Amino acid sequence: MDIREVFGANLQFFREKAGLSQAALADRMGVDRAHISAMERGQQNVTIITLWHVAEALDVKPAALLDDHGKSRKA
């Protein structure tokens, strides 16, 4: 699976687990909701800084957003 798709799936999982809408997460990060949507769909190349901002906003470790084994999406 493409790393952008892995990141997007994990982003969506942790966002929903936190009970946040795309708009609410976007507000926390200071970005547009469409940016969150594009990341979740794997259509956005993210920088390491963006990865860090997402992790901070969702209160998860950055590595959890890159877990391609599906472990982070269980539970």
C-alpha atoms as a PDB file:
ATOM      1  CA  MET A   1       0.000   0.000   0.000  1.00  0.00           C
ATOM      2  CA  ASP A   2       1.213   3.522  -0.793  1.00  0.00           C
ATOM      3  CA  ILE A   3       2.490   5.353   2.310  1.00  0.00           C
ATOM      4  CA  ARG A   4       0.044   8.203   1.591  1.00  0.00           C
ATOM      5  CA  GLU A   5      -2.835   5.725   1.765  1.00  0.00           C
ATOM      6  CA  VAL A   6      -1.457   4.217   4.987  1.00  0.00           C
ATOM      7  CA  PHE A   7      -1.143   7.685   6.516  1.00  0.00           C
ATOM      8  CA  GLY A   8      -4.629   8.646   5.317  1.00  0.00           C
ATOM      9  CA  ALA A   9      -6.270   5.512   6.706  1.00  0.00           C
ATOM     10  CA  ASN A  10      -4.541   5.978  10.054  1.00  0.00           C
ATOM     11  CA  LEU A  11      -5.423   9.664  10.112  1.00  0.00           C
ATOM     12  CA  GLN A  12      -9.089   8.872   9.534  1.00  0.00           C
ATOM     13  CA  PHE A  13      -9.040   6.099  12.155  1.00  0.00           C
ATOM     14  CA  PHE A  14      -7.527   8.281  14.879  1.00  0.00           C
ATOM     15  CA  ARG A  15      -9.690  11.280  13.959  1.00  0.00           C
ATOM     16  CA  GLU A  16     -12.863   9.205  14.249  1.00  0.00           C
ATOM     17  CA  LYS A  17     -11.584   7.541  17.432  1.00  0.00           C
ATOM     18  CA  ALA A  18     -11.140  11.037  18.894  1.00  0.00           C
ATOM     19  CA  GLY A  19     -14.708  11.885  17.892  1.00  0.00           C
ATOM     20  CA  LEU A  20     -13.600  14.698  15.605  1.00  0.00           C
ATOM     21  CA  SER A  21     -15.027  15.746  12.271  1.00  0.00           C
ATOM     22  CA  GLN A  22     -12.675  16.726   9.478  1.00  0.00           C
ATOM     23  CA  ALA A  23     -13.661  20.341  10.113  1.00  0.00           C
ATOM     24  CA  ALA A  24     -12.896  20.085  13.831  1.00  0.00           C
ATOM     25  CA  LEU A  25      -9.471  18.581  13.168  1.00  0.00           C
ATOM     26  CA  ALA A  26      -8.799  21.225  10.545  1.00  0.00           C
ATOM     27  CA  ASP A  27      -9.644  23.919  13.112  1.00  0.00           C
ATOM     28  CA  ARG A  28      -7.212  22.378  15.611  1.00  0.00           C
ATOM     29  CA  MET A  29      -4.481  22.394  12.992  1.00  0.00           C
ATOM     30  CA  GLY A  30      -5.270  25.757  11.424  1.00  0.00           C
ATOM     31  CA  VAL A  31      -5.849  24.293   7.953  1.00  0.00           C
ATOM     32  CA  ASP A  32      -8.775  23.919   5.593  1.00  0.00           C
ATOM     33  CA  ARG A  33     -11.114  20.914   5.890  1.00  0.00           C
ATOM     34  CA  ALA A  34     -10.347  20.034   2.261  1.00  0.00           C
ATOM     35  CA  HIS A  35      -6.699  19.543   3.247  1.00  0.00           C
ATOM     36  CA  ILE A  36      -7.721  16.952   5.858  1.00  0.00           C
ATOM     37  CA  SER A  37      -9.945  15.249   3.298  1.00  0.00           C
ATOM     38  CA  ALA A  38      -7.135  15.081   0.724  1.00  0.00           C
ATOM     39  CA  MET A  39      -4.756  13.615   3.302  1.00  0.00           C
ATOM     40  CA  GLU A  40      -7.289  10.975   4.330  1.00  0.00           C
ATOM     41  CA  ARG A  41      -7.805   9.988   0.689  1.00  0.00           C
ATOM     42  CA  GLY A  42      -4.056   9.612   0.184  1.00  0.00           C
ATOM     43  CA  GLN A  43      -3.982  12.435  -2.346  1.00  0.00           C
ATOM     44  CA  GLN A  44      -1.741  14.765  -0.383  1.00  0.00           C
ATOM     45  CA  ASN A  45       1.996  14.505   0.099  1.00  0.00           C
ATOM     46  CA  VAL A  46       2.608  15.620   3.662  1.00  0.00           C
ATOM     47  CA  THR A  47       5.761  17.059   5.125  1.00  0.00           C
ATOM     48  CA  ILE A  48       7.311  15.788   8.328  1.00  0.00           C
ATOM     49  CA  ILE A  49       6.068  18.971   9.999  1.00  0.00           C
ATOM     50  CA  THR A  50       2.498  18.260   8.865  1.00  0.00           C
ATOM     51  CA  LEU A  51       2.840  14.714  10.198  1.00  0.00           C
ATOM     52  CA  TRP A  52       3.900  16.154  13.533  1.00  0.00           C
ATOM     53  CA  HIS A  53       1.008  18.670  13.577  1.00  0.00           C
ATOM     54  CA  VAL A  54      -1.511  15.904  12.849  1.00  0.00           C
ATOM     55  CA  ALA A  55      -0.053  13.731  15.603  1.00  0.00           C
ATOM     56  CA  GLU A  56      -0.151  16.613  18.079  1.00  0.00           C
ATOM     57  CA  ALA A  57      -3.749  17.482  17.156  1.00  0.00           C
ATOM     58  CA  LEU A  58      -4.834  13.854  17.602  1.00  0.00           C
ATOM     59  CA  ASP A  59      -2.634  13.193  20.655  1.00  0.00           C
ATOM     60  CA  VAL A  60      -0.915  10.190  19.055  1.00  0.00           C
ATOM     61  CA  LYS A  61       2.703   9.379  18.303  1.00  0.00           C
ATOM     62  CA  PRO A  62       3.768  10.286  14.754  1.00  0.00           C
ATOM     63  CA  ALA A  63       4.829   6.673  14.157  1.00  0.00           C
ATOM     64  CA  ALA A  64       1.235   5.514  14.733  1.00  0.00           C
ATOM     65  CA  LEU A  65       0.194   7.474  11.650  1.00  0.00           C
ATOM     66  CA  LEU A  66       2.704   5.549   9.528  1.00  0.00           C
ATOM     67  CA  ASP A  67       1.943   2.051  10.848  1.00  0.00           C
ATOM     68  CA  ASP A  68       1.339  -0.032   7.725  1.00  0.00           C
ATOM     69  CA  HIS A  69       0.536  -3.232   9.573  1.00  0.00           C
ATOM     70  CA  GLY A  70      -2.952  -2.120  10.539  1.00  0.00           C
ATOM     71  CA  LYS A  71      -2.164  -2.537  14.246  1.00  0.00           C
ATOM     72  CA  SER A  72      -3.029   1.071  15.018  1.00  0.00           C
ATOM     73  CA  ARG A  73      -6.418   0.719  13.330  1.00  0.00           C
ATOM     74  CA  LYS A  74      -7.444  -2.163  15.574  1.00  0.00           C
ATOM     75  CA  ALA A  75      -9.268  -1.580  18.847  1.00  0.00           C
END
